[in-house]
N, C-alpha and C. Protein backbone atom coordinates (compact mmCIF):
# COMPACT_ATOMS: atom_id res chain seq x y z
N MET A 1 101.52 0.67 125.27
CA MET A 1 102.34 1.50 124.41
C MET A 1 102.08 1.09 122.97
N ARG A 2 102.50 1.96 122.06
CA ARG A 2 102.34 1.71 120.62
C ARG A 2 103.60 2.16 119.89
N ILE A 3 103.81 1.59 118.70
CA ILE A 3 104.88 2.06 117.83
C ILE A 3 104.50 3.44 117.31
N ASN A 4 105.42 4.38 117.34
CA ASN A 4 105.19 5.73 116.84
C ASN A 4 104.99 5.66 115.31
N PRO A 5 103.84 6.11 114.81
CA PRO A 5 103.58 6.03 113.37
C PRO A 5 104.47 6.94 112.52
N ASP A 6 105.25 7.81 113.17
CA ASP A 6 106.18 8.67 112.42
C ASP A 6 107.39 7.89 111.91
N TYR A 7 107.52 6.64 112.33
CA TYR A 7 108.66 5.82 111.91
C TYR A 7 108.17 4.62 111.12
N LYS A 8 108.96 4.26 110.11
CA LYS A 8 108.60 3.14 109.25
C LYS A 8 109.74 2.14 109.22
N LEU A 9 109.38 0.87 109.28
CA LEU A 9 110.35 -0.21 109.25
C LEU A 9 110.50 -0.71 107.81
N HIS A 10 111.74 -0.89 107.37
CA HIS A 10 112.05 -1.45 106.05
C HIS A 10 112.95 -2.66 106.25
N ARG A 11 112.72 -3.70 105.47
CA ARG A 11 113.55 -4.89 105.56
C ARG A 11 114.64 -4.84 104.50
N LEU A 12 115.86 -5.19 104.92
CA LEU A 12 117.02 -5.26 104.03
C LEU A 12 117.69 -6.61 104.25
N GLY A 13 117.32 -7.59 103.47
CA GLY A 13 117.85 -8.94 103.68
C GLY A 13 117.39 -9.47 105.03
N ARG A 14 118.35 -9.83 105.89
CA ARG A 14 118.02 -10.34 107.22
C ARG A 14 117.93 -9.23 108.26
N HIS A 15 118.19 -8.02 107.85
CA HIS A 15 118.20 -6.89 108.78
C HIS A 15 117.08 -5.92 108.45
N TYR A 16 116.86 -5.03 109.38
CA TYR A 16 115.79 -4.04 109.24
C TYR A 16 116.34 -2.66 109.53
N MET A 17 115.73 -1.66 108.91
CA MET A 17 116.08 -0.28 109.23
C MET A 17 114.81 0.50 109.47
N ILE A 18 114.92 1.46 110.36
CA ILE A 18 113.80 2.34 110.69
C ILE A 18 114.15 3.73 110.18
N VAL A 19 113.21 4.32 109.48
CA VAL A 19 113.42 5.68 108.97
C VAL A 19 112.29 6.57 109.47
N ASP A 20 112.61 7.83 109.60
CA ASP A 20 111.66 8.85 110.04
C ASP A 20 110.85 9.30 108.83
N ARG A 21 109.55 9.26 108.96
CA ARG A 21 108.67 9.76 107.90
C ARG A 21 108.51 11.27 108.07
N CYS A 22 108.61 11.99 106.99
CA CYS A 22 108.35 13.43 107.00
C CYS A 22 107.23 13.67 105.99
N ALA A 23 106.03 13.86 106.51
CA ALA A 23 104.85 13.98 105.65
C ALA A 23 104.81 12.75 104.76
N ASP A 24 104.86 12.93 103.43
CA ASP A 24 104.82 11.80 102.52
C ASP A 24 106.21 11.37 102.07
N ASN A 25 107.23 11.99 102.62
CA ASN A 25 108.61 11.67 102.24
C ASN A 25 109.29 10.87 103.34
N THR A 26 110.44 10.35 103.02
CA THR A 26 111.25 9.63 104.00
C THR A 26 112.48 10.44 104.31
N ASN A 27 112.74 10.68 105.58
CA ASN A 27 113.91 11.43 106.01
C ASN A 27 115.05 10.44 106.26
N LEU A 28 116.07 10.45 105.41
CA LEU A 28 117.19 9.54 105.57
C LEU A 28 118.30 10.13 106.42
N ALA A 29 118.06 11.29 107.02
CA ALA A 29 119.06 11.89 107.89
C ALA A 29 119.24 11.05 109.16
N HIS A 30 118.19 10.38 109.57
CA HIS A 30 118.24 9.52 110.76
C HIS A 30 117.73 8.14 110.38
N VAL A 31 118.65 7.21 110.24
CA VAL A 31 118.32 5.83 109.91
C VAL A 31 118.83 4.96 111.04
N TYR A 32 118.00 4.04 111.51
CA TYR A 32 118.35 3.16 112.62
C TYR A 32 118.26 1.73 112.14
N SER A 33 119.16 0.88 112.60
CA SER A 33 119.11 -0.52 112.18
C SER A 33 118.63 -1.40 113.34
N LEU A 34 117.95 -2.48 112.97
CA LEU A 34 117.49 -3.47 113.93
C LEU A 34 117.96 -4.84 113.47
N ASN A 35 118.24 -5.72 114.41
CA ASN A 35 118.55 -7.09 114.03
C ASN A 35 117.23 -7.82 113.74
N ALA A 36 117.34 -9.06 113.34
CA ALA A 36 116.15 -9.82 112.91
C ALA A 36 115.12 -9.98 114.02
N SER A 37 115.57 -10.25 115.25
CA SER A 37 114.59 -10.47 116.32
C SER A 37 113.89 -9.17 116.71
N ALA A 38 114.60 -8.05 116.75
CA ALA A 38 113.97 -6.77 117.05
C ALA A 38 113.02 -6.37 115.92
N GLY A 39 113.41 -6.65 114.68
CA GLY A 39 112.52 -6.37 113.55
C GLY A 39 111.25 -7.19 113.63
N LYS A 40 111.38 -8.45 114.02
CA LYS A 40 110.20 -9.31 114.17
C LYS A 40 109.26 -8.76 115.24
N LEU A 41 109.83 -8.32 116.36
CA LEU A 41 108.99 -7.74 117.41
C LEU A 41 108.25 -6.52 116.90
N TRP A 42 108.95 -5.64 116.17
CA TRP A 42 108.32 -4.43 115.62
C TRP A 42 107.14 -4.82 114.73
N ILE A 43 107.37 -5.78 113.83
CA ILE A 43 106.32 -6.20 112.90
C ILE A 43 105.12 -6.77 113.66
N GLU A 44 105.38 -7.57 114.68
CA GLU A 44 104.30 -8.21 115.44
C GLU A 44 103.38 -7.20 116.12
N VAL A 45 103.92 -6.05 116.54
CA VAL A 45 103.13 -5.10 117.33
C VAL A 45 102.91 -3.76 116.62
N ALA A 46 103.27 -3.67 115.37
CA ALA A 46 103.29 -2.38 114.66
C ALA A 46 101.98 -1.60 114.73
N ASP A 47 100.87 -2.25 114.65
CA ASP A 47 99.59 -1.52 114.58
C ASP A 47 98.68 -1.80 115.76
N LYS A 48 99.26 -2.09 116.91
CA LYS A 48 98.41 -2.40 118.06
C LYS A 48 99.09 -1.96 119.36
N ASP A 49 98.29 -1.88 120.39
CA ASP A 49 98.82 -1.62 121.72
C ASP A 49 99.55 -2.87 122.19
N PHE A 50 100.64 -2.68 122.93
CA PHE A 50 101.39 -3.83 123.43
C PHE A 50 102.07 -3.46 124.75
N THR A 51 102.50 -4.49 125.45
CA THR A 51 103.23 -4.33 126.70
C THR A 51 104.58 -5.03 126.58
N ALA A 52 105.42 -4.79 127.56
CA ALA A 52 106.71 -5.50 127.60
C ALA A 52 106.47 -7.01 127.70
N ASP A 53 105.45 -7.41 128.44
CA ASP A 53 105.13 -8.83 128.57
C ASP A 53 104.73 -9.44 127.23
N ASP A 54 104.02 -8.66 126.40
CA ASP A 54 103.66 -9.15 125.06
C ASP A 54 104.92 -9.45 124.25
N LEU A 55 105.89 -8.53 124.29
CA LEU A 55 107.13 -8.73 123.55
C LEU A 55 107.91 -9.92 124.10
N THR A 56 107.94 -10.05 125.41
CA THR A 56 108.61 -11.19 126.03
C THR A 56 107.98 -12.50 125.59
N ASP A 57 106.66 -12.56 125.56
CA ASP A 57 105.96 -13.76 125.11
C ASP A 57 106.29 -14.10 123.67
N ILE A 58 106.40 -13.09 122.82
CA ILE A 58 106.75 -13.32 121.41
C ILE A 58 108.14 -13.93 121.31
N LEU A 59 109.09 -13.38 122.05
CA LEU A 59 110.45 -13.93 122.01
C LEU A 59 110.47 -15.38 122.49
N CYS A 60 109.76 -15.66 123.57
CA CYS A 60 109.72 -17.03 124.09
C CYS A 60 109.03 -17.99 123.13
N ARG A 61 108.02 -17.51 122.45
CA ARG A 61 107.29 -18.34 121.48
C ARG A 61 108.14 -18.67 120.26
N ASP A 62 108.90 -17.68 119.79
CA ASP A 62 109.58 -17.83 118.50
C ASP A 62 111.06 -18.19 118.58
N TYR A 63 111.64 -18.07 119.76
CA TYR A 63 113.08 -18.34 119.92
C TYR A 63 113.28 -19.25 121.13
N ASP A 64 114.37 -19.96 121.15
CA ASP A 64 114.71 -20.83 122.27
C ASP A 64 115.38 -19.99 123.35
N VAL A 65 114.56 -19.29 124.12
CA VAL A 65 115.06 -18.39 125.16
C VAL A 65 114.16 -18.50 126.39
N ASP A 66 114.76 -18.47 127.58
CA ASP A 66 113.94 -18.54 128.78
C ASP A 66 113.31 -17.17 129.06
N LYS A 67 112.27 -17.19 129.85
CA LYS A 67 111.47 -15.98 130.08
C LYS A 67 112.27 -14.86 130.75
N ASP A 68 113.14 -15.18 131.70
CA ASP A 68 113.93 -14.14 132.36
C ASP A 68 114.87 -13.44 131.39
N ARG A 69 115.53 -14.22 130.54
CA ARG A 69 116.44 -13.63 129.55
C ARG A 69 115.65 -12.79 128.55
N ALA A 70 114.52 -13.32 128.08
CA ALA A 70 113.69 -12.58 127.13
C ALA A 70 113.22 -11.26 127.74
N ALA A 71 112.79 -11.29 128.99
CA ALA A 71 112.31 -10.07 129.67
C ALA A 71 113.43 -9.04 129.80
N ALA A 72 114.64 -9.49 130.10
CA ALA A 72 115.77 -8.56 130.20
C ALA A 72 116.09 -7.94 128.85
N ASP A 73 116.06 -8.77 127.80
CA ASP A 73 116.32 -8.26 126.45
C ASP A 73 115.25 -7.26 126.01
N VAL A 74 114.00 -7.56 126.33
CA VAL A 74 112.89 -6.66 125.98
C VAL A 74 113.04 -5.34 126.73
N SER A 75 113.39 -5.41 127.99
CA SER A 75 113.57 -4.19 128.78
C SER A 75 114.65 -3.29 128.17
N ALA A 76 115.77 -3.89 127.78
CA ALA A 76 116.84 -3.11 127.15
C ALA A 76 116.39 -2.53 125.81
N LEU A 77 115.68 -3.34 125.03
CA LEU A 77 115.19 -2.88 123.73
C LEU A 77 114.21 -1.73 123.89
N LEU A 78 113.29 -1.83 124.82
CA LEU A 78 112.31 -0.77 125.01
C LEU A 78 112.94 0.53 125.48
N ARG A 79 114.00 0.45 126.28
CA ARG A 79 114.72 1.67 126.68
C ARG A 79 115.29 2.35 125.44
N LYS A 80 115.89 1.57 124.55
CA LYS A 80 116.45 2.14 123.32
C LYS A 80 115.35 2.72 122.44
N TRP A 81 114.27 1.99 122.27
CA TRP A 81 113.16 2.47 121.45
C TRP A 81 112.57 3.74 122.04
N ASP A 82 112.42 3.79 123.36
CA ASP A 82 111.87 4.97 124.01
C ASP A 82 112.81 6.17 123.83
N ASP A 83 114.10 5.96 124.04
CA ASP A 83 115.09 7.04 123.86
C ASP A 83 115.08 7.59 122.44
N ALA A 84 114.84 6.72 121.46
CA ALA A 84 114.82 7.13 120.06
C ALA A 84 113.48 7.73 119.63
N GLY A 85 112.46 7.60 120.48
CA GLY A 85 111.14 8.12 120.14
C GLY A 85 110.29 7.17 119.31
N PHE A 86 110.68 5.89 119.28
CA PHE A 86 109.95 4.90 118.46
C PHE A 86 108.64 4.44 119.07
N ILE A 87 108.46 4.65 120.38
CA ILE A 87 107.23 4.20 121.01
C ILE A 87 106.53 5.36 121.70
N LEU A 88 105.23 5.23 121.75
CA LEU A 88 104.38 6.24 122.39
C LEU A 88 103.79 5.65 123.65
């Protein structure tokens, strides 16, 4: 899977927001927020193909979390991203 290029991530302090790109403009009608760990995952895979296992490995590498918990969190995150159209 890949991050949908129609969406752009912006950092706001410790938080992130995703906005829908409309041609060369930004559509602020739909703005989504991400916490720091979800923002980090987005940045890590923004321009490449990735799997749920890749995201799980990133969480385990960068945070003190066991693999089962990381995999469950990634699964929930990917469902939300898929529902929002953030991933292809």
